[in-house]
Structure formats: C-alpha cells, structure tokens
Amino acid sequence: MATASKLDQVLAQAKEYQATREQGYRERALKLYPWVCGRCAREFTHKNLRELTVHHRDHNHDNNPSDGSNWELLCLYCHDNEHARFEELVQYGDTRESAQSTATYSPFAGLKDMLAKK
C-alpha cells in the first residue's frame, strides 16, 4: 500500500505541475493571438474557448518564449490531427516520395481539334 500511496503522490504532483505550466502559457497565448484556430479558421468565444488549445510548434512544451513564437492556437480536432501526424513522422519517417513525378497525361490534349470537327 505504501508504494501505491507514493505513486499517487507522484502522479498528483506531475498533474499539478502540468496544469500550472499550461495555465501560464495558455493565458499568455490567448492574450497574444486572436481566438481562431490556426488550421481550420474556426472562431471561438468565451462560451467555447475551452476547445481552443495551445500547440507548441516544435513539440517542446518547455519552450515557451514570451513573444509566443513557438505557439499557435488550434482547435481540439486540429491539435489532435497535428500530434497524430507528428507521431507518424516519428514512427515511420517522412512518407512522402522523395522524387515526385509530374503527371504526363493531359486530359484536354486534342480537345481543340475535337471541338473544331463539330
């Protein structure tokens, strides 16, 4: 039981530290930036402001410059999407093809000739 109590204390301290840290940069970010999601452009009011999150562009939650240059405001959905994309990048690397080929098919090639025949 003593280890469970110690674990509970450690978890409570970690949660308190995270909440305190988030409260500081969240309040500053909300003062610096308009209440609009940086991805989907959804606008927020006091009524739904809890759905607007602060995203750290470099994914380092301890990097909180006072000018807010490492932050962007994202709605819950865009924030989750950004972190999912980052996790995929970490796990699988860059999945884009390094040499993207250009399309050679031209769907409108010869259209002028076809229209002229009519």
N, C-alpha and C. Protein backbone atom coordinates (compact mmCIF):
# COMPACT_ATOMS: atom_id res chain seq x y z
N MET A 1 0.81 -1.19 0.00
CA MET A 1 0.00 0.00 0.00
C MET A 1 0.86 1.26 0.00
N ALA A 2 2.01 1.20 0.61
CA ALA A 2 2.88 2.38 0.69
C ALA A 2 3.34 2.79 -0.71
N THR A 3 3.61 1.82 -1.59
CA THR A 3 4.06 2.17 -2.94
C THR A 3 2.92 2.79 -3.75
N ALA A 4 1.70 2.33 -3.54
CA ALA A 4 0.56 2.91 -4.23
C ALA A 4 0.35 4.35 -3.78
N SER A 5 0.51 4.61 -2.51
CA SER A 5 0.36 5.96 -1.97
C SER A 5 1.45 6.87 -2.55
N LYS A 6 2.65 6.36 -2.62
CA LYS A 6 3.78 7.14 -3.17
C LYS A 6 3.53 7.42 -4.66
N LEU A 7 3.05 6.44 -5.38
CA LEU A 7 2.74 6.60 -6.80
C LEU A 7 1.64 7.64 -7.00
N ASP A 8 0.62 7.57 -6.15
CA ASP A 8 -0.46 8.56 -6.22
C ASP A 8 0.07 9.97 -5.99
N GLN A 9 0.98 10.12 -5.05
CA GLN A 9 1.57 11.43 -4.77
C GLN A 9 2.37 11.94 -5.97
N VAL A 10 3.16 11.07 -6.56
CA VAL A 10 3.97 11.46 -7.71
C VAL A 10 3.09 11.86 -8.88
N LEU A 11 2.04 11.08 -9.13
CA LEU A 11 1.11 11.40 -10.22
C LEU A 11 0.38 12.71 -9.96
N ALA A 12 -0.01 12.94 -8.75
CA ALA A 12 -0.70 14.19 -8.40
C ALA A 12 0.23 15.39 -8.58
N GLN A 13 1.49 15.25 -8.19
CA GLN A 13 2.45 16.33 -8.37
C GLN A 13 2.70 16.60 -9.85
N ALA A 14 2.79 15.54 -10.64
CA ALA A 14 3.02 15.71 -12.08
C ALA A 14 1.84 16.42 -12.74
N LYS A 15 0.63 16.01 -12.36
CA LYS A 15 -0.57 16.66 -12.91
C LYS A 15 -0.64 18.12 -12.50
N GLU A 16 -0.31 18.41 -11.26
CA GLU A 16 -0.34 19.80 -10.78
C GLU A 16 0.70 20.64 -11.51
N TYR A 17 1.90 20.10 -11.70
CA TYR A 17 2.95 20.81 -12.43
C TYR A 17 2.50 21.09 -13.86
N GLN A 18 1.93 20.10 -14.52
CA GLN A 18 1.48 20.27 -15.90
C GLN A 18 0.37 21.31 -15.98
N ALA A 19 -0.57 21.27 -15.08
CA ALA A 19 -1.67 22.24 -15.08
C ALA A 19 -1.16 23.65 -14.85
N THR A 20 -0.22 23.82 -13.93
CA THR A 20 0.35 25.14 -13.65
C THR A 20 1.10 25.66 -14.86
N ARG A 21 1.90 24.80 -15.48
CA ARG A 21 2.67 25.20 -16.66
C ARG A 21 1.75 25.57 -17.81
N GLU A 22 0.74 24.74 -18.05
CA GLU A 22 -0.20 25.01 -19.14
C GLU A 22 -0.97 26.30 -18.90
N GLN A 23 -1.38 26.53 -17.67
CA GLN A 23 -2.15 27.73 -17.36
C GLN A 23 -1.35 28.98 -17.69
N GLY A 24 -0.07 28.96 -17.42
CA GLY A 24 0.77 30.12 -17.68
C GLY A 24 0.87 30.44 -19.16
N TYR A 25 1.28 29.49 -19.97
CA TYR A 25 1.45 29.80 -21.39
C TYR A 25 0.12 29.88 -22.12
N ARG A 26 -0.89 29.18 -21.65
CA ARG A 26 -2.20 29.27 -22.29
C ARG A 26 -2.77 30.69 -22.14
N GLU A 27 -2.73 31.21 -20.93
CA GLU A 27 -3.24 32.56 -20.69
C GLU A 27 -2.48 33.58 -21.53
N ARG A 28 -1.16 33.43 -21.61
CA ARG A 28 -0.37 34.37 -22.42
C ARG A 28 -0.71 34.25 -23.89
N ALA A 29 -0.87 33.02 -24.38
CA ALA A 29 -1.18 32.81 -25.80
C ALA A 29 -2.55 33.38 -26.14
N LEU A 30 -3.52 33.22 -25.24
CA LEU A 30 -4.86 33.74 -25.50
C LEU A 30 -4.88 35.27 -25.52
N LYS A 31 -3.93 35.90 -24.84
CA LYS A 31 -3.83 37.36 -24.87
C LYS A 31 -3.11 37.83 -26.14
N LEU A 32 -2.19 37.03 -26.64
CA LEU A 32 -1.39 37.42 -27.80
C LEU A 32 -2.11 37.23 -29.13
N TYR A 33 -2.85 36.15 -29.24
CA TYR A 33 -3.41 35.76 -30.54
C TYR A 33 -4.93 35.88 -30.56
N PRO A 34 -5.48 36.11 -31.75
CA PRO A 34 -6.96 36.08 -31.86
C PRO A 34 -7.46 34.67 -31.60
N TRP A 35 -8.66 34.56 -31.13
CA TRP A 35 -9.24 33.26 -30.76
C TRP A 35 -9.78 32.55 -31.99
N VAL A 36 -8.86 32.16 -32.85
CA VAL A 36 -9.19 31.50 -34.11
C VAL A 36 -8.23 30.33 -34.28
N CYS A 37 -8.75 29.19 -34.72
CA CYS A 37 -7.88 28.03 -34.97
C CYS A 37 -6.96 28.35 -36.14
N GLY A 38 -5.69 28.09 -35.96
CA GLY A 38 -4.70 28.37 -36.98
C GLY A 38 -4.77 27.46 -38.19
N ARG A 39 -5.54 26.41 -38.14
CA ARG A 39 -5.65 25.48 -39.27
C ARG A 39 -7.00 25.60 -39.97
N CYS A 40 -8.08 25.44 -39.22
CA CYS A 40 -9.41 25.41 -39.85
C CYS A 40 -10.12 26.76 -39.80
N ALA A 41 -9.54 27.73 -39.12
CA ALA A 41 -10.06 29.10 -39.02
C ALA A 41 -11.38 29.19 -38.25
N ARG A 42 -11.69 28.19 -37.46
CA ARG A 42 -12.89 28.25 -36.61
C ARG A 42 -12.68 29.32 -35.55
N GLU A 43 -13.70 30.14 -35.33
CA GLU A 43 -13.62 31.23 -34.36
C GLU A 43 -14.19 30.78 -33.02
N PHE A 44 -13.63 31.33 -31.95
CA PHE A 44 -14.03 30.94 -30.60
C PHE A 44 -14.47 32.16 -29.80
N THR A 45 -15.36 31.90 -28.84
CA THR A 45 -15.84 32.92 -27.91
C THR A 45 -15.59 32.42 -26.50
N HIS A 46 -15.96 33.20 -25.52
CA HIS A 46 -15.81 32.74 -24.13
C HIS A 46 -16.58 31.45 -23.88
N LYS A 47 -17.68 31.27 -24.59
CA LYS A 47 -18.53 30.09 -24.39
C LYS A 47 -17.83 28.78 -24.76
N ASN A 48 -17.05 28.79 -25.84
CA ASN A 48 -16.41 27.55 -26.29
C ASN A 48 -14.88 27.63 -26.27
N LEU A 49 -14.32 28.56 -25.53
CA LEU A 49 -12.88 28.78 -25.50
C LEU A 49 -12.11 27.57 -24.99
N ARG A 50 -12.75 26.74 -24.20
CA ARG A 50 -12.06 25.55 -23.67
C ARG A 50 -11.68 24.58 -24.78
N GLU A 51 -12.30 24.72 -25.96
CA GLU A 51 -11.99 23.85 -27.10
C GLU A 51 -10.82 24.37 -27.93
N LEU A 52 -10.24 25.49 -27.54
CA LEU A 52 -9.09 26.06 -28.24
C LEU A 52 -7.84 25.75 -27.43
N THR A 53 -6.87 25.11 -28.06
CA THR A 53 -5.66 24.68 -27.36
C THR A 53 -4.45 25.45 -27.86
N VAL A 54 -3.40 25.40 -27.08
CA VAL A 54 -2.12 26.00 -27.48
C VAL A 54 -1.22 24.87 -27.96
N HIS A 55 -0.81 24.96 -29.20
CA HIS A 55 0.09 23.95 -29.78
C HIS A 55 1.50 24.50 -29.81
N HIS A 56 2.45 23.69 -29.37
CA HIS A 56 3.86 24.07 -29.45
C HIS A 56 4.41 23.60 -30.79
N ARG A 57 4.82 24.53 -31.61
CA ARG A 57 5.25 24.21 -32.97
C ARG A 57 6.42 23.24 -33.00
N ASP A 58 7.33 23.34 -32.04
CA ASP A 58 8.48 22.42 -32.01
C ASP A 58 8.21 21.20 -31.13
N HIS A 59 6.99 21.07 -30.63
CA HIS A 59 6.54 19.95 -29.80
C HIS A 59 7.26 19.86 -28.46
N ASN A 60 7.92 20.95 -28.05
CA ASN A 60 8.60 21.00 -26.76
C ASN A 60 7.79 21.90 -25.84
N HIS A 61 7.08 21.31 -24.89
CA HIS A 61 6.19 22.06 -24.02
C HIS A 61 6.93 22.91 -23.00
N ASP A 62 8.23 22.77 -22.91
CA ASP A 62 9.02 23.62 -22.02
C ASP A 62 9.58 24.83 -22.75
N ASN A 63 9.43 24.89 -24.07
CA ASN A 63 9.91 26.02 -24.86
C ASN A 63 8.78 27.03 -25.00
N ASN A 64 8.74 28.00 -24.11
CA ASN A 64 7.67 28.98 -24.05
C ASN A 64 8.21 30.40 -24.07
N PRO A 65 8.71 30.86 -25.23
CA PRO A 65 9.24 32.22 -25.30
C PRO A 65 8.13 33.24 -25.04
N SER A 66 8.49 34.35 -24.44
CA SER A 66 7.49 35.34 -24.06
C SER A 66 6.80 35.98 -25.26
N ASP A 67 7.43 35.94 -26.44
CA ASP A 67 6.79 36.52 -27.63
C ASP A 67 5.81 35.55 -28.28
N GLY A 68 5.72 34.32 -27.77
CA GLY A 68 4.76 33.35 -28.29
C GLY A 68 5.14 32.75 -29.63
N SER A 69 6.38 32.88 -30.03
CA SER A 69 6.80 32.41 -31.35
C SER A 69 6.77 30.89 -31.51
N ASN A 70 6.66 30.15 -30.43
CA ASN A 70 6.59 28.69 -30.52
C ASN A 70 5.16 28.18 -30.37
N TRP A 71 4.20 29.07 -30.33
CA TRP A 71 2.82 28.68 -30.10
C TRP A 71 1.95 28.97 -31.31
N GLU A 72 0.90 28.19 -31.43
CA GLU A 72 -0.20 28.53 -32.31
C GLU A 72 -1.46 27.97 -31.67
N LEU A 73 -2.55 28.68 -31.84
CA LEU A 73 -3.81 28.24 -31.28
C LEU A 73 -4.50 27.32 -32.28
N LEU A 74 -4.87 26.14 -31.81
CA LEU A 74 -5.56 25.15 -32.63
C LEU A 74 -6.77 24.62 -31.89
N CYS A 75 -7.84 24.33 -32.64
CA CYS A 75 -8.99 23.70 -32.01
C CYS A 75 -8.59 22.27 -31.61
N LEU A 76 -9.39 21.65 -30.79
CA LEU A 76 -9.09 20.30 -30.31
C LEU A 76 -8.84 19.32 -31.46
N TYR A 77 -9.65 19.43 -32.51
CA TYR A 77 -9.57 18.48 -33.61
C TYR A 77 -8.28 18.67 -34.41
N CYS A 78 -7.96 19.91 -34.74
CA CYS A 78 -6.73 20.18 -35.49
C CYS A 78 -5.50 19.87 -34.65
N HIS A 79 -5.59 20.12 -33.34
CA HIS A 79 -4.47 19.82 -32.45
C HIS A 79 -4.22 18.32 -32.38
N ASP A 80 -5.28 17.54 -32.25
CA ASP A 80 -5.14 16.08 -32.26
C ASP A 80 -4.56 15.60 -33.58
N ASN A 81 -5.03 16.17 -34.69
CA ASN A 81 -4.52 15.80 -36.00
C ASN A 81 -3.03 16.12 -36.13
N GLU A 82 -2.62 17.28 -35.66
CA GLU A 82 -1.21 17.67 -35.73
C GLU A 82 -0.34 16.71 -34.94
N HIS A 83 -0.78 16.34 -33.76
CA HIS A 83 0.02 15.41 -32.96
C HIS A 83 0.03 14.01 -33.55
N ALA A 84 -1.06 13.58 -34.16
CA ALA A 84 -1.09 12.28 -34.82
C ALA A 84 -0.11 12.27 -36.00
N ARG A 85 -0.09 13.36 -36.77
CA ARG A 85 0.84 13.45 -37.90
C ARG A 85 2.29 13.44 -37.41
N PHE A 86 2.54 14.12 -36.29
CA PHE A 86 3.89 14.16 -35.74
C PHE A 86 4.31 12.77 -35.25
N GLU A 87 3.40 12.07 -34.60
CA GLU A 87 3.71 10.71 -34.13
C GLU A 87 4.01 9.78 -35.30
N GLU A 88 3.25 9.92 -36.38
CA GLU A 88 3.52 9.11 -37.57
C GLU A 88 4.89 9.44 -38.15
N LEU A 89 5.25 10.71 -38.16
CA LEU A 89 6.56 11.11 -38.67
C LEU A 89 7.67 10.52 -37.82
N VAL A 90 7.49 10.55 -36.49
CA VAL A 90 8.49 9.98 -35.59
C VAL A 90 8.60 8.48 -35.79
N GLN A 91 7.45 7.82 -35.92
CA GLN A 91 7.45 6.36 -36.02
C GLN A 91 7.91 5.86 -37.39
N TYR A 92 7.41 6.49 -38.45
CA TYR A 92 7.65 5.96 -39.79
C TYR A 92 8.58 6.80 -40.65
N GLY A 93 8.92 7.98 -40.20
CA GLY A 93 9.74 8.87 -41.01
C GLY A 93 8.89 9.59 -42.03
N ASP A 94 9.53 10.26 -42.94
CA ASP A 94 8.81 11.01 -43.98
C ASP A 94 8.28 10.03 -45.00
N THR A 95 6.97 9.98 -45.16
CA THR A 95 6.36 9.00 -46.06
C THR A 95 6.13 9.56 -47.46
N ARG A 96 6.43 10.83 -47.65
CA ARG A 96 6.28 11.38 -49.00
C ARG A 96 7.38 10.83 -49.89
N GLU A 97 7.08 10.64 -51.16
CA GLU A 97 8.09 10.17 -52.08
C GLU A 97 9.11 11.27 -52.29
N SER A 98 10.38 10.90 -52.31
CA SER A 98 11.43 11.91 -52.42
C SER A 98 11.45 12.55 -53.80
N ALA A 99 11.20 11.79 -54.82
CA ALA A 99 11.17 12.34 -56.17
C ALA A 99 9.76 12.20 -56.71
N GLN A 100 9.00 13.24 -56.60
CA GLN A 100 7.63 13.17 -57.07
C GLN A 100 7.63 13.39 -58.58
N SER A 101 7.04 12.45 -59.27
CA SER A 101 6.98 12.58 -60.72
C SER A 101 5.81 13.48 -61.09
N THR A 102 5.97 14.17 -62.20
CA THR A 102 4.89 15.02 -62.66
C THR A 102 4.00 14.21 -63.59
N ALA A 103 2.77 14.58 -63.64
CA ALA A 103 1.81 13.88 -64.48
C ALA A 103 2.13 14.13 -65.95
N THR A 104 2.05 13.08 -66.74
CA THR A 104 2.32 13.23 -68.17
C THR A 104 1.03 13.19 -68.97
N TYR A 105 -0.03 12.75 -68.37
CA TYR A 105 -1.30 12.65 -69.07
C TYR A 105 -1.97 14.02 -69.09
N SER A 106 -2.42 14.43 -70.22
CA SER A 106 -3.12 15.70 -70.36
C SER A 106 -4.54 15.41 -70.82
N PRO A 107 -5.52 15.54 -69.95
CA PRO A 107 -6.89 15.16 -70.29
C PRO A 107 -7.51 16.04 -71.39
N PHE A 108 -6.97 17.24 -71.59
CA PHE A 108 -7.55 18.14 -72.58
C PHE A 108 -6.74 18.21 -73.87
N ALA A 109 -5.74 17.33 -73.98
CA ALA A 109 -4.96 17.31 -75.22
C ALA A 109 -5.88 16.88 -76.36
N GLY A 110 -5.87 17.62 -77.41
CA GLY A 110 -6.69 17.29 -78.56
C GLY A 110 -8.12 17.81 -78.46
N LEU A 111 -8.47 18.47 -77.37
CA LEU A 111 -9.83 18.97 -77.21
C LEU A 111 -10.17 20.02 -78.27
N LYS A 112 -9.21 20.85 -78.57
CA LYS A 112 -9.43 21.90 -79.57
C LYS A 112 -9.77 21.28 -80.93
N ASP A 113 -9.04 20.23 -81.28
CA ASP A 113 -9.31 19.55 -82.57
C ASP A 113 -10.68 18.89 -82.56
N MET A 114 -11.06 18.27 -81.43
CA MET A 114 -12.37 17.62 -81.35
C MET A 114 -13.50 18.64 -81.47
N LEU A 115 -13.33 19.78 -80.86
CA LEU A 115 -14.36 20.83 -80.93
C LEU A 115 -14.43 21.44 -82.32
N ALA A 116 -13.30 21.50 -83.01
CA ALA A 116 -13.27 22.08 -84.36
C ALA A 116 -13.99 21.19 -85.36
N LYS A 117 -14.04 19.89 -85.13
CA LYS A 117 -14.68 18.95 -86.04
C LYS A 117 -16.20 19.08 -86.02
N LYS A 118 -16.75 19.64 -85.03
CA LYS A 118 -18.21 19.71 -84.88
C LYS A 118 -18.81 20.78 -85.72
